Amino acid sequence: MTGGKVVLERSSGCDIVTPHGDLDVFSAARLRSVVFDPSSCSQPVLVLDLSEIAFIDSTGLGVLVATRRWTRTRSADLVIVVKPSSVVARLLALAGLDAVFTTVATRAEAVRSVDQRACVAH
């Protein structure tokens, strides 16, 4: 499977970005072009839904780290949706990045997290 489409959705207080297929050297630019575009992703929280990712390599991990840095420079939060037993979850754990990122198992959890952050901010 190769890198597929990247879907951007807007929800109350967050942008939800869902890449499909592989997140590797061949497809990372597609995700970068959405995530790093301030006209596309400008909400206070970015939800990166990786539940549709079948494979991720070091370039993909690099995009995740860069996305975290980018959101922090904008004073935004990053929440990553990762299926607990997925390839992505295993690679994040192996790289020690599971302790760096805020991860949740489902998109519903991510949206609840955003709702809770909004309540705290008010």
PDB file of N, CA and C in Angstrom:
ATOM      1  N   MET A   1       0.845  -1.174   0.000  1.00  0.00           N
ATOM      2  CA  MET A   1       0.000   0.000   0.000  1.00  0.00           C
ATOM      3  C   MET A   1       0.892   1.240   0.000  1.00  0.00           C
ATOM      4  N   THR A   2       0.498   2.243  -0.717  1.00  0.00           N
ATOM      5  CA  THR A   2       1.259   3.480  -0.749  1.00  0.00           C
ATOM      6  C   THR A   2       0.469   4.589  -0.085  1.00  0.00           C
ATOM      7  N   GLY A   3       1.107   5.748   0.014  1.00  0.00           N
ATOM      8  CA  GLY A   3       0.437   6.897   0.607  1.00  0.00           C
ATOM      9  C   GLY A   3      -0.794   7.259  -0.190  1.00  0.00           C
ATOM     10  N   GLY A   4      -1.855   7.495   0.500  1.00  0.00           N
ATOM     11  CA  GLY A   4      -3.103   7.851  -0.149  1.00  0.00           C
ATOM     12  C   GLY A   4      -3.462   9.281   0.144  1.00  0.00           C
ATOM     13  N   LYS A   5      -4.733   9.521   0.221  1.00  0.00           N
ATOM     14  CA  LYS A   5      -5.219  10.877   0.425  1.00  0.00           C
ATOM     15  C   LYS A   5      -5.024  11.317   1.880  1.00  0.00           C
ATOM     16  N   VAL A   6      -5.069  12.610   2.068  1.00  0.00           N
ATOM     17  CA  VAL A   6      -5.052  13.213   3.399  1.00  0.00           C
ATOM     18  C   VAL A   6      -6.336  14.021   3.509  1.00  0.00           C
ATOM     19  N   VAL A   7      -7.166  13.669   4.479  1.00  0.00           N
ATOM     20  CA  VAL A   7      -8.465  14.310   4.643  1.00  0.00           C
ATOM     21  C   VAL A   7      -8.389  15.302   5.797  1.00  0.00           C
ATOM     22  N   LEU A   8      -8.881  16.521   5.561  1.00  0.00           N
ATOM     23  CA  LEU A   8      -8.948  17.548   6.587  1.00  0.00           C
ATOM     24  C   LEU A   8     -10.401  17.826   6.909  1.00  0.00           C
ATOM     25  N   GLU A   9     -10.727  17.758   8.189  1.00  0.00           N
ATOM     26  CA  GLU A   9     -12.073  18.092   8.659  1.00  0.00           C
ATOM     27  C   GLU A   9     -11.939  19.140   9.747  1.00  0.00           C
ATOM     28  N   ARG A  10     -12.933  19.982   9.850  1.00  0.00           N
ATOM     29  CA  ARG A  10     -12.960  20.981  10.921  1.00  0.00           C
ATOM     30  C   ARG A  10     -14.069  20.621  11.890  1.00  0.00           C
ATOM     31  N   SER A  11     -13.745  20.712  13.153  1.00  0.00           N
ATOM     32  CA  SER A  11     -14.721  20.480  14.209  1.00  0.00           C
ATOM     33  C   SER A  11     -14.617  21.660  15.156  1.00  0.00           C
ATOM     34  N   SER A  12     -15.481  21.714  16.109  1.00  0.00           N
ATOM     35  CA  SER A  12     -15.468  22.817  17.068  1.00  0.00           C
ATOM     36  C   SER A  12     -14.145  22.848  17.830  1.00  0.00           C
ATOM     37  N   GLY A  13     -13.314  23.837  17.529  1.00  0.00           N
ATOM     38  CA  GLY A  13     -12.057  24.015  18.242  1.00  0.00           C
ATOM     39  C   GLY A  13     -10.896  23.169  17.769  1.00  0.00           C
ATOM     40  N   CYS A  14     -11.102  22.367  16.722  1.00  0.00           N
ATOM     41  CA  CYS A  14      -9.982  21.549  16.272  1.00  0.00           C
ATOM     42  C   CYS A  14     -10.042  21.281  14.774  1.00  0.00           C
ATOM     43  N   ASP A  15      -8.867  21.001  14.249  1.00  0.00           N
ATOM     44  CA  ASP A  15      -8.731  20.497  12.887  1.00  0.00           C
ATOM     45  C   ASP A  15      -8.405  19.018  13.016  1.00  0.00           C
ATOM     46  N   ILE A  16      -9.067  18.181  12.240  1.00  0.00           N
ATOM     47  CA  ILE A  16      -8.814  16.740  12.264  1.00  0.00           C
ATOM     48  C   ILE A  16      -8.221  16.356  10.917  1.00  0.00           C
ATOM     49  N   VAL A  17      -6.990  15.853  10.950  1.00  0.00           N
ATOM     50  CA  VAL A  17      -6.284  15.462   9.731  1.00  0.00           C
ATOM     51  C   VAL A  17      -6.116  13.948   9.754  1.00  0.00           C
ATOM     52  N   THR A  18      -6.585  13.299   8.698  1.00  0.00           N
ATOM     53  CA  THR A  18      -6.512  11.845   8.610  1.00  0.00           C
ATOM     54  C   THR A  18      -5.790  11.433   7.333  1.00  0.00           C
ATOM     55  N   PRO A  19      -4.528  11.018   7.470  1.00  0.00           N
ATOM     56  CA  PRO A  19      -3.837  10.463   6.304  1.00  0.00           C
ATOM     57  C   PRO A  19      -4.216   8.992   6.126  1.00  0.00           C
ATOM     58  N   HIS A  20      -4.191   8.519   4.893  1.00  0.00           N
ATOM     59  CA  HIS A  20      -4.547   7.135   4.585  1.00  0.00           C
ATOM     60  C   HIS A  20      -3.365   6.438   3.916  1.00  0.00           C
ATOM     61  N   GLY A  21      -3.240   5.131   4.180  1.00  0.00           N
ATOM     62  CA  GLY A  21      -2.188   4.346   3.524  1.00  0.00           C
ATOM     63  C   GLY A  21      -0.911   4.333   4.318  1.00  0.00           C
ATOM     64  N   ASP A  22       0.192   4.592   3.651  1.00  0.00           N
ATOM     65  CA  ASP A  22       1.508   4.591   4.288  1.00  0.00           C
ATOM     66  C   ASP A  22       1.942   6.020   4.581  1.00  0.00           C
ATOM     67  N   LEU A  23       2.700   6.173   5.663  1.00  0.00           N
ATOM     68  CA  LEU A  23       3.304   7.455   5.986  1.00  0.00           C
ATOM     69  C   LEU A  23       4.814   7.235   5.920  1.00  0.00           C
ATOM     70  N   ASP A  24       5.351   7.493   4.747  1.00  0.00           N
ATOM     71  CA  ASP A  24       6.763   7.185   4.510  1.00  0.00           C
ATOM     72  C   ASP A  24       7.402   8.265   3.651  1.00  0.00           C
ATOM     73  N   VAL A  25       8.611   7.988   3.207  1.00  0.00           N
ATOM     74  CA  VAL A  25       9.376   8.952   2.426  1.00  0.00           C
ATOM     75  C   VAL A  25       8.626   9.382   1.166  1.00  0.00           C
ATOM     76  N   PHE A  26       7.780   8.538   0.635  1.00  0.00           N
ATOM     77  CA  PHE A  26       7.063   8.845  -0.596  1.00  0.00           C
ATOM     78  C   PHE A  26       5.789   9.644  -0.368  1.00  0.00           C
ATOM     79  N   SER A  27       5.216   9.587   0.835  1.00  0.00           N
ATOM     80  CA  SER A  27       3.921  10.231   1.080  1.00  0.00           C
ATOM     81  C   SER A  27       3.962  11.334   2.137  1.00  0.00           C
ATOM     82  N   ALA A  28       5.072  11.488   2.827  1.00  0.00           N
ATOM     83  CA  ALA A  28       5.146  12.449   3.935  1.00  0.00           C
ATOM     84  C   ALA A  28       4.870  13.887   3.486  1.00  0.00           C
ATOM     85  N   ALA A  29       5.303  14.241   2.298  1.00  0.00           N
ATOM     86  CA  ALA A  29       5.103  15.612   1.814  1.00  0.00           C
ATOM     87  C   ALA A  29       3.628  15.972   1.728  1.00  0.00           C
ATOM     88  N   ARG A  30       2.805  14.999   1.389  1.00  0.00           N
ATOM     89  CA  ARG A  30       1.366  15.245   1.281  1.00  0.00           C
ATOM     90  C   ARG A  30       0.788  15.638   2.646  1.00  0.00           C
ATOM     91  N   LEU A  31       1.208  14.922   3.698  1.00  0.00           N
ATOM     92  CA  LEU A  31       0.740  15.251   5.045  1.00  0.00           C
ATOM     93  C   LEU A  31       1.301  16.602   5.484  1.00  0.00           C
ATOM     94  N   ARG A  32       2.581  16.830   5.236  1.00  0.00           N
ATOM     95  CA  ARG A  32       3.202  18.111   5.594  1.00  0.00           C
ATOM     96  C   ARG A  32       2.463  19.288   4.956  1.00  0.00           C
ATOM     97  N   SER A  33       2.083  19.139   3.701  1.00  0.00           N
ATOM     98  CA  SER A  33       1.440  20.251   2.992  1.00  0.00           C
ATOM     99  C   SER A  33       0.114  20.654   3.631  1.00  0.00           C
ATOM    100  N   VAL A  34      -0.557  19.727   4.283  1.00  0.00           N
ATOM    101  CA  VAL A  34      -1.811  20.044   4.966  1.00  0.00           C
ATOM    102  C   VAL A  34      -1.541  20.573   6.364  1.00  0.00           C
ATOM    103  N   VAL A  35      -0.741  19.850   7.130  1.00  0.00           N
ATOM    104  CA  VAL A  35      -0.516  20.182   8.536  1.00  0.00           C
ATOM    105  C   VAL A  35       0.179  21.531   8.710  1.00  0.00           C
ATOM    106  N   PHE A  36       1.150  21.831   7.859  1.00  0.00           N
ATOM    107  CA  PHE A  36       1.934  23.052   8.017  1.00  0.00           C
ATOM    108  C   PHE A  36       1.359  24.255   7.276  1.00  0.00           C
ATOM    109  N   ASP A  37       0.183  24.120   6.722  1.00  0.00           N
ATOM    110  CA  ASP A  37      -0.468  25.229   6.033  1.00  0.00           C
ATOM    111  C   ASP A  37      -1.390  25.950   7.012  1.00  0.00           C
ATOM    112  N   PRO A  38      -1.027  27.168   7.434  1.00  0.00           N
ATOM    113  CA  PRO A  38      -1.843  27.876   8.427  1.00  0.00           C
ATOM    114  C   PRO A  38      -3.274  28.147   7.965  1.00  0.00           C
ATOM    115  N   SER A  39      -3.498  28.196   6.668  1.00  0.00           N
ATOM    116  CA  SER A  39      -4.868  28.394   6.202  1.00  0.00           C
ATOM    117  C   SER A  39      -5.687  27.109   6.300  1.00  0.00           C
ATOM    118  N   SER A  40      -5.013  25.961   6.396  1.00  0.00           N
ATOM    119  CA  SER A  40      -5.707  24.680   6.544  1.00  0.00           C
ATOM    120  C   SER A  40      -5.875  24.298   8.010  1.00  0.00           C
ATOM    121  N   CYS A  41      -4.802  24.415   8.776  1.00  0.00           N
ATOM    122  CA  CYS A  41      -4.812  23.994  10.175  1.00  0.00           C
ATOM    123  C   CYS A  41      -4.530  25.199  11.061  1.00  0.00           C
ATOM    124  N   SER A  42      -5.601  25.798  11.574  1.00  0.00           N
ATOM    125  CA  SER A  42      -5.444  27.019  12.365  1.00  0.00           C
ATOM    126  C   SER A  42      -6.173  26.977  13.701  1.00  0.00           C
ATOM    127  N   GLN A  43      -6.837  25.858  13.991  1.00  0.00           N
ATOM    128  CA  GLN A  43      -7.587  25.748  15.250  1.00  0.00           C
ATOM    129  C   GLN A  43      -6.626  25.552  16.420  1.00  0.00           C
ATOM    130  N   PRO A  44      -7.106  25.752  17.663  1.00  0.00           N
ATOM    131  CA  PRO A  44      -6.234  25.601  18.833  1.00  0.00           C
ATOM    132  C   PRO A  44      -5.767  24.168  19.097  1.00  0.00           C
ATOM    133  N   VAL A  45      -6.458  23.194  18.502  1.00  0.00           N
ATOM    134  CA  VAL A  45      -6.062  21.793  18.667  1.00  0.00           C
ATOM    135  C   VAL A  45      -6.023  21.137  17.296  1.00  0.00           C
ATOM    136  N   LEU A  46      -4.944  20.389  17.070  1.00  0.00           N
ATOM    137  CA  LEU A  46      -4.819  19.576  15.861  1.00  0.00           C
ATOM    138  C   LEU A  46      -4.933  18.121  16.267  1.00  0.00           C
ATOM    139  N   VAL A  47      -5.914  17.438  15.708  1.00  0.00           N
ATOM    140  CA  VAL A  47      -6.068  16.003  15.912  1.00  0.00           C
ATOM    141  C   VAL A  47      -5.516  15.329  14.667  1.00  0.00           C
ATOM    142  N   LEU A  48      -4.500  14.520  14.872  1.00  0.00           N
ATOM    143  CA  LEU A  48      -3.892  13.772  13.776  1.00  0.00           C
ATOM    144  C   LEU A  48      -4.345  12.327  13.928  1.00  0.00           C
ATOM    145  N   ASP A  49      -5.277  11.920  13.089  1.00  0.00           N
ATOM    146  CA  ASP A  49      -5.871  10.582  13.178  1.00  0.00           C
ATOM    147  C   ASP A  49      -5.060   9.620  12.321  1.00  0.00           C
ATOM    148  N   LEU A  50      -4.235   8.810  12.981  1.00  0.00           N
ATOM    149  CA  LEU A  50      -3.381   7.855  12.273  1.00  0.00           C
ATOM    150  C   LEU A  50      -3.972   6.452  12.228  1.00  0.00           C
ATOM    151  N   SER A  51      -5.259   6.338  12.487  1.00  0.00           N
ATOM    152  CA  SER A  51      -5.887   5.016  12.518  1.00  0.00           C
ATOM    153  C   SER A  51      -5.942   4.354  11.144  1.00  0.00           C
ATOM    154  N   GLU A  52      -5.764   5.120  10.083  1.00  0.00           N
ATOM    155  CA  GLU A  52      -5.801   4.561   8.721  1.00  0.00           C
ATOM    156  C   GLU A  52      -4.400   4.332   8.145  1.00  0.00           C
ATOM    157  N   ILE A  53      -3.370   4.477   8.970  1.00  0.00           N
ATOM    158  CA  ILE A  53      -1.997   4.286   8.510  1.00  0.00           C
ATOM    159  C   ILE A  53      -1.612   2.817   8.637  1.00  0.00           C
ATOM    160  N   ALA A  54      -1.166   2.241   7.532  1.00  0.00           N
ATOM    161  CA  ALA A  54      -0.777   0.830   7.501  1.00  0.00           C
ATOM    162  C   ALA A  54       0.714   0.635   7.759  1.00  0.00           C
ATOM    163  N   PHE A  55       1.514   1.650   7.426  1.00  0.00           N
ATOM    164  CA  PHE A  55       2.969   1.559   7.557  1.00  0.00           C
ATOM    165  C   PHE A  55       3.511   2.946   7.829  1.00  0.00           C
ATOM    166  N   ILE A  56       4.549   3.026   8.672  1.00  0.00           N
ATOM    167  CA  ILE A  56       5.207   4.295   8.938  1.00  0.00           C
ATOM    168  C   ILE A  56       6.710   4.045   9.033  1.00  0.00           C
ATOM    169  N   ASP A  57       7.499   4.936   8.426  1.00  0.00           N
ATOM    170  CA  ASP A  57       8.953   4.802   8.506  1.00  0.00           C
ATOM    171  C   ASP A  57       9.531   6.005   9.248  1.00  0.00           C
ATOM    172  N   SER A  58      10.851   6.128   9.225  1.00  0.00           N
ATOM    173  CA  SER A  58      11.496   7.209   9.971  1.00  0.00           C
ATOM    174  C   SER A  58      11.110   8.585   9.436  1.00  0.00           C
ATOM    175  N   THR A  59      10.845   8.689   8.148  1.00  0.00           N
ATOM    176  CA  THR A  59      10.387   9.963   7.592  1.00  0.00           C
ATOM    177  C   THR A  59       9.022  10.323   8.170  1.00  0.00           C
ATOM    178  N   GLY A  60       8.159   9.330   8.291  1.00  0.00           N
ATOM    179  CA  GLY A  60       6.847   9.554   8.903  1.00  0.00           C
ATOM    180  C   GLY A  60       6.973   9.998  10.347  1.00  0.00           C
ATOM    181  N   LEU A  61       7.872   9.343  11.091  1.00  0.00           N
ATOM    182  CA  LEU A  61       8.112   9.765  12.483  1.00  0.00           C
ATOM    183  C   LEU A  61       8.624  11.200  12.523  1.00  0.00           C
ATOM    184  N   GLY A  62       9.484  11.545  11.586  1.00  0.00           N
ATOM    185  CA  GLY A  62      10.004  12.904  11.508  1.00  0.00           C
ATOM    186  C   GLY A  62       8.901  13.929  11.295  1.00  0.00           C
ATOM    187  N   VAL A  63       7.917  13.575  10.475  1.00  0.00           N
ATOM    188  CA  VAL A  63       6.776  14.472  10.252  1.00  0.00           C
ATOM    189  C   VAL A  63       5.992  14.648  11.552  1.00  0.00           C
ATOM    190  N   LEU A  64       5.826  13.577  12.316  1.00  0.00           N
ATOM    191  CA  LEU A  64       5.106  13.678  13.590  1.00  0.00           C
ATOM    192  C   LEU A  64       5.833  14.607  14.562  1.00  0.00           C
ATOM    193  N   VAL A  65       7.147  14.448  14.660  1.00  0.00           N
ATOM    194  CA  VAL A  65       7.937  15.298  15.554  1.00  0.00           C
ATOM    195  C   VAL A  65       7.881  16.754  15.084  1.00  0.00           C
ATOM    196  N   ALA A  66       8.010  16.974  13.799  1.00  0.00           N
ATOM    197  CA  ALA A  66       7.944  18.334  13.255  1.00  0.00           C
ATOM    198  C   ALA A  66       6.562  18.943  13.469  1.00  0.00           C
ATOM    199  N   THR A  67       5.524  18.114  13.366  1.00  0.00           N
ATOM    200  CA  THR A  67       4.167  18.594  13.608  1.00  0.00           C
ATOM    201  C   THR A  67       4.008  19.034  15.056  1.00  0.00           C
ATOM    202  N   ARG A  68       4.587  18.279  15.963  1.00  0.00           N
ATOM    203  CA  ARG A  68       4.525  18.674  17.380  1.00  0.00           C
ATOM    204  C   ARG A  68       5.210  20.018  17.585  1.00  0.00           C
ATOM    205  N   ARG A  69       6.372  20.188  16.999  1.00  0.00           N
ATOM    206  CA  ARG A  69       7.086  21.466  17.110  1.00  0.00           C
ATOM    207  C   ARG A  69       6.259  22.602  16.508  1.00  0.00           C
ATOM    208  N   TRP A  70       5.674  22.356  15.348  1.00  0.00           N
ATOM    209  CA  TRP A  70       4.877  23.374  14.657  1.00  0.00           C
ATOM    210  C   TRP A  70       3.680  23.790  15.498  1.00  0.00           C
ATOM    211  N   THR A  71       2.972  22.823  16.064  1.00  0.00           N
ATOM    212  CA  THR A  71       1.797  23.168  16.877  1.00  0.00           C
ATOM    213  C   THR A  71       2.223  23.948  18.119  1.00  0.00           C
ATOM    214  N   ARG A  72       3.343  23.595  18.703  1.00  0.00           N
ATOM    215  CA  ARG A  72       3.812  24.320  19.897  1.00  0.00           C
ATOM    216  C   ARG A  72       4.171  25.764  19.565  1.00  0.00           C
ATOM    217  N   THR A  73       4.753  26.012  18.390  1.00  0.00           N
ATOM    218  CA  THR A  73       5.094  27.398  18.027  1.00  0.00           C
ATOM    219  C   THR A  73       3.831  28.228  17.826  1.00  0.00           C
ATOM    220  N   ARG A  74       2.729  27.590  17.511  1.00  0.00           N
ATOM    221  CA  ARG A  74       1.448  28.279  17.350  1.00  0.00           C
ATOM    222  C   ARG A  74       0.630  28.268  18.639  1.00  0.00           C
ATOM    223  N   SER A  75       1.211  27.778  19.732  1.00  0.00           N
ATOM    224  CA  SER A  75       0.500  27.632  21.013  1.00  0.00           C
ATOM    225  C   SER A  75      -0.744  26.769  20.852  1.00  0.00           C
ATOM    226  N   ALA A  76      -0.646  25.780  20.010  1.00  0.00           N
ATOM    227  CA  ALA A  76      -1.743  24.836  19.784  1.00  0.00           C
ATOM    228  C   ALA A  76      -1.365  23.495  20.407  1.00  0.00           C
ATOM    229  N   ASP A  77      -2.354  22.641  20.571  1.00  0.00           N
ATOM    230  CA  ASP A  77      -2.136  21.298  21.103  1.00  0.00           C
ATOM    231  C   ASP A  77      -2.247  20.281  19.977  1.00  0.00           C
ATOM    232  N   LEU A  78      -1.534  19.177  20.146  1.00  0.00           N
ATOM    233  CA  LEU A  78      -1.572  18.071  19.191  1.00  0.00           C
ATOM    234  C   LEU A  78      -2.057  16.829  19.913  1.00  0.00           C
ATOM    235  N   VAL A  79      -3.088  16.199  19.375  1.00  0.00           N
ATOM    236  CA  VAL A  79      -3.597  14.931  19.886  1.00  0.00           C
ATOM    237  C   VAL A  79      -3.539  13.941  18.729  1.00  0.00           C
ATOM    238  N   ILE A  80      -2.919  12.780  18.980  1.00  0.00           N
ATOM    239  CA  ILE A  80      -2.766  11.778  17.927  1.00  0.00           C
ATOM    240  C   ILE A  80      -3.637  10.570  18.234  1.00  0.00           C
ATOM    241  N   VAL A  81      -4.434  10.164  17.248  1.00  0.00           N
ATOM    242  CA  VAL A  81      -5.259   8.969  17.362  1.00  0.00           C
ATOM    243  C   VAL A  81      -4.451   7.790  16.836  1.00  0.00           C
ATOM    244  N   VAL A  82      -4.228   6.804  17.709  1.00  0.00           N
ATOM    245  CA  VAL A  82      -3.440   5.633  17.352  1.00  0.00           C
ATOM    246  C   VAL A  82      -4.134   4.392  17.920  1.00  0.00           C
ATOM    247  N   LYS A  83      -4.421   3.433  17.069  1.00  0.00           N
ATOM    248  CA  LYS A  83      -4.969   2.164  17.556  1.00  0.00           C
ATOM    249  C   LYS A  83      -3.913   1.485  18.419  1.00  0.00           C
ATOM    250  N   PRO A  84      -4.285   1.019  19.612  1.00  0.00           N
ATOM    251  CA  PRO A  84      -3.296   0.488  20.567  1.00  0.00           C
ATOM    252  C   PRO A  84      -2.382  -0.614  20.038  1.00  0.00           C
ATOM    253  N   SER A  85      -2.860  -1.496  19.205  1.00  0.00           N
ATOM    254  CA  SER A  85      -2.017  -2.602  18.739  1.00  0.00           C
ATOM    255  C   SER A  85      -1.487  -2.386  17.327  1.00  0.00           C
ATOM    256  N   SER A  86      -1.550  -1.172  16.842  1.00  0.00           N
ATOM    257  CA  SER A  86      -1.157  -0.899  15.458  1.00  0.00           C
ATOM    258  C   SER A  86       0.356  -0.787  15.293  1.00  0.00           C
ATOM    259  N   VAL A  87       0.780  -0.814  14.042  1.00  0.00           N
ATOM    260  CA  VAL A  87       2.184  -0.615  13.693  1.00  0.00           C
ATOM    261  C   VAL A  87       2.645   0.752  14.202  1.00  0.00           C
ATOM    262  N   VAL A  88       1.802   1.755  14.070  1.00  0.00           N
ATOM    263  CA  VAL A  88       2.157   3.102  14.517  1.00  0.00           C
ATOM    264  C   VAL A  88       2.391   3.114  16.024  1.00  0.00           C
ATOM    265  N   ALA A  89       1.508   2.494  16.787  1.00  0.00           N
ATOM    266  CA  ALA A  89       1.654   2.455  18.249  1.00  0.00           C
ATOM    267  C   ALA A  89       2.947   1.754  18.645  1.00  0.00           C
ATOM    268  N   ARG A  90       3.242   0.652  17.984  1.00  0.00           N
ATOM    269  CA  ARG A  90       4.476  -0.084  18.303  1.00  0.00           C
ATOM    270  C   ARG A  90       5.717   0.748  17.983  1.00  0.00           C
ATOM    271  N   LEU A  91       5.711   1.431  16.850  1.00  0.00           N
ATOM    272  CA  LEU A  91       6.868   2.235  16.473  1.00  0.00           C
ATOM    273  C   LEU A  91       7.038   3.442  17.402  1.00  0.00           C
ATOM    274  N   LEU A  92       5.941   4.081  17.777  1.00  0.00           N
ATOM    275  CA  LEU A  92       6.032   5.196  18.730  1.00  0.00           C
ATOM    276  C   LEU A  92       6.631   4.721  20.052  1.00  0.00           C
ATOM    277  N   ALA A  93       6.218   3.543  20.504  1.00  0.00           N
ATOM    278  CA  ALA A  93       6.755   2.990  21.756  1.00  0.00           C
ATOM    279  C   ALA A  93       8.241   2.664  21.619  1.00  0.00           C
ATOM    280  N   LEU A  94       8.618   2.034  20.513  1.00  0.00           N
ATOM    281  CA  LEU A  94      10.024   1.690  20.295  1.00  0.00           C
ATOM    282  C   LEU A  94      10.920   2.930  20.251  1.00  0.00           C
ATOM    283  N   ALA A  95      10.407   3.999  19.679  1.00  0.00           N
ATOM    284  CA  ALA A  95      11.185   5.238  19.562  1.00  0.00           C
ATOM    285  C   ALA A  95      11.108   6.094  20.822  1.00  0.00           C
ATOM    286  N   GLY A  96      10.294   5.675  21.793  1.00  0.00           N
ATOM    287  CA  GLY A  96      10.127   6.458  23.014  1.00  0.00           C
ATOM    288  C   GLY A  96       9.237   7.673  22.831  1.00  0.00           C
ATOM    289  N   LEU A  97       8.559   7.755  21.700  1.00  0.00           N
ATOM    290  CA  LEU A  97       7.713   8.908  21.408  1.00  0.00           C
ATOM    291  C   LEU A  97       6.317   8.792  22.005  1.00  0.00           C
ATOM    292  N   ASP A  98       5.962   7.604  22.472  1.00  0.00           N
ATOM    293  CA  ASP A  98       4.655   7.452  23.117  1.00  0.00           C
ATOM    294  C   ASP A  98       4.582   8.285  24.402  1.00  0.00           C
ATOM    295  N   ALA A  99       5.732   8.598  24.984  1.00  0.00           N
ATOM    296  CA  ALA A  99       5.778   9.435  26.186  1.00  0.00           C
ATOM    297  C   ALA A  99       5.808  10.923  25.830  1.00  0.00           C
ATOM    298  N   VAL A 100       6.052  11.239  24.575  1.00  0.00           N
ATOM    299  CA  VAL A 100       6.165  12.628  24.136  1.00  0.00           C
ATOM    300  C   VAL A 100       4.831  13.159  23.626  1.00  0.00           C
ATOM    301  N   PHE A 101       4.107  12.314  22.895  1.00  0.00           N
ATOM    302  CA  PHE A 101       2.850  12.727  22.275  1.00  0.00           C
ATOM    303  C   PHE A 101       1.658  12.422  23.182  1.00  0.00           C
ATOM    304  N   THR A 102       0.622  13.232  23.047  1.00  0.00           N
ATOM    305  CA  THR A 102      -0.667  12.910  23.649  1.00  0.00           C
ATOM    306  C   THR A 102      -1.378  12.001  22.662  1.00  0.00           C
ATOM    307  N   THR A 103      -1.592  10.745  23.066  1.00  0.00           N
ATOM    308  CA  THR A 103      -2.246   9.793  22.168  1.00  0.00           C
ATOM    309  C   THR A 103      -3.543   9.294  22.790  1.00  0.00           C
ATOM    310  N   VAL A 104      -4.480   9.000  21.930  1.00  0.00           N
ATOM    311  CA  VAL A 104      -5.754   8.401  22.325  1.00  0.00           C
ATOM    312  C   VAL A 104      -6.055   7.279  21.346  1.00  0.00           C
ATOM    313  N   ALA A 105      -6.941   6.377  21.746  1.00  0.00           N
ATOM    314  CA  ALA A 105      -7.210   5.197  20.927  1.00  0.00           C
ATOM    315  C   ALA A 105      -8.255   5.423  19.838  1.00  0.00           C
ATOM    316  N   THR A 106      -9.115   6.410  20.027  1.00  0.00           N
ATOM    317  CA  THR A 106     -10.193   6.625  19.057  1.00  0.00           C
ATOM    318  C   THR A 106     -10.382   8.110  18.770  1.00  0.00           C
ATOM    319  N   ARG A 107     -11.001   8.383  17.661  1.00  0.00           N
ATOM    320  CA  ARG A 107     -11.332   9.763  17.306  1.00  0.00           C
ATOM    321  C   ARG A 107     -12.307  10.355  18.320  1.00  0.00           C
ATOM    322  N   ALA A 108     -13.231   9.547  18.811  1.00  0.00           N
ATOM    323  CA  ALA A 108     -14.190  10.033  19.814  1.00  0.00           C
ATOM    324  C   ALA A 108     -13.459  10.519  21.065  1.00  0.00           C
ATOM    325  N   GLU A 109     -12.435   9.782  21.489  1.00  0.00           N
ATOM    326  CA  GLU A 109     -11.633  10.216  22.635  1.00  0.00           C
ATOM    327  C   GLU A 109     -10.931  11.538  22.342  1.00  0.00           C
ATOM    328  N   ALA A 110     -10.448  11.684  21.127  1.00  0.00           N
ATOM    329  CA  ALA A 110      -9.763  12.925  20.748  1.00  0.00           C
ATOM    330  C   ALA A 110     -10.715  14.109  20.828  1.00  0.00           C
ATOM    331  N   VAL A 111     -11.924  13.933  20.304  1.00  0.00           N
ATOM    332  CA  VAL A 111     -12.910  15.008  20.334  1.00  0.00           C
ATOM    333  C   VAL A 111     -13.304  15.334  21.770  1.00  0.00           C
ATOM    334  N   ARG A 112     -13.469  14.312  22.619  1.00  0.00           N
ATOM    335  CA  ARG A 112     -13.755  14.564  24.047  1.00  0.00           C
ATOM    336  C   ARG A 112     -12.618  15.337  24.685  1.00  0.00           C
ATOM    337  N   SER A 113     -11.384  14.993  24.323  1.00  0.00           N
ATOM    338  CA  SER A 113     -10.212  15.693  24.842  1.00  0.00           C
ATOM    339  C   SER A 113     -10.257  17.165  24.454  1.00  0.00           C
ATOM    340  N   VAL A 114     -10.639  17.442  23.215  1.00  0.00           N
ATOM    341  CA  VAL A 114     -10.746  18.822  22.738  1.00  0.00           C
ATOM    342  C   VAL A 114     -11.835  19.551  23.518  1.00  0.00           C
ATOM    343  N   ASP A 115     -12.974  18.890  23.723  1.00  0.00           N
ATOM    344  CA  ASP A 115     -14.078  19.497  24.470  1.00  0.00           C
ATOM    345  C   ASP A 115     -13.639  19.833  25.896  1.00  0.00           C
ATOM    346  N   GLN A 116     -12.885  18.945  26.520  1.00  0.00           N
ATOM    347  CA  GLN A 116     -12.409  19.178  27.876  1.00  0.00           C
ATOM    348  C   GLN A 116     -11.430  20.346  27.907  1.00  0.00           C
ATOM    349  N   ARG A 117     -10.569  20.443  26.930  1.00  0.00           N
ATOM    350  CA  ARG A 117      -9.615  21.553  26.868  1.00  0.00           C
ATOM    351  C   ARG A 117     -10.351  22.880  26.720  1.00  0.00           C
ATOM    352  N   ALA A 118     -11.430  22.872  25.928  1.00  0.00           N
ATOM    353  CA  ALA A 118     -12.216  24.091  25.734  1.00  0.00           C
ATOM    354  C   ALA A 118     -12.879  24.527  27.028  1.00  0.00           C
ATOM    355  N   CYS A 119     -13.350  23.557  27.810  1.00  0.00           N
ATOM    356  CA  CYS A 119     -13.977  23.885  29.099  1.00  0.00           C
ATOM    357  C   CYS A 119     -12.965  24.472  30.053  1.00  0.00           C
ATOM    358  N   VAL A 120     -11.752  23.946  30.060  1.00  0.00           N
ATOM    359  CA  VAL A 120     -10.702  24.453  30.943  1.00  0.00           C
ATOM    360  C   VAL A 120     -10.299  25.869  30.519  1.00  0.00           C
ATOM    361  N   ALA A 121     -10.286  26.130  29.217  1.00  0.00           N
ATOM    362  CA  ALA A 121      -9.860  27.439  28.715  1.00  0.00           C
ATOM    363  C   ALA A 121     -10.866  28.544  29.059  1.00  0.00           C
ATOM    364  N   HIS A 122     -12.112  28.182  29.250  1.00  0.00           N
ATOM    365  CA  HIS A 122     -13.132  29.193  29.557  1.00  0.00           C
ATOM    366  C   HIS A 122     -13.246  29.364  30.996  1.00  0.00           C
TER     367      HIS A 122
END
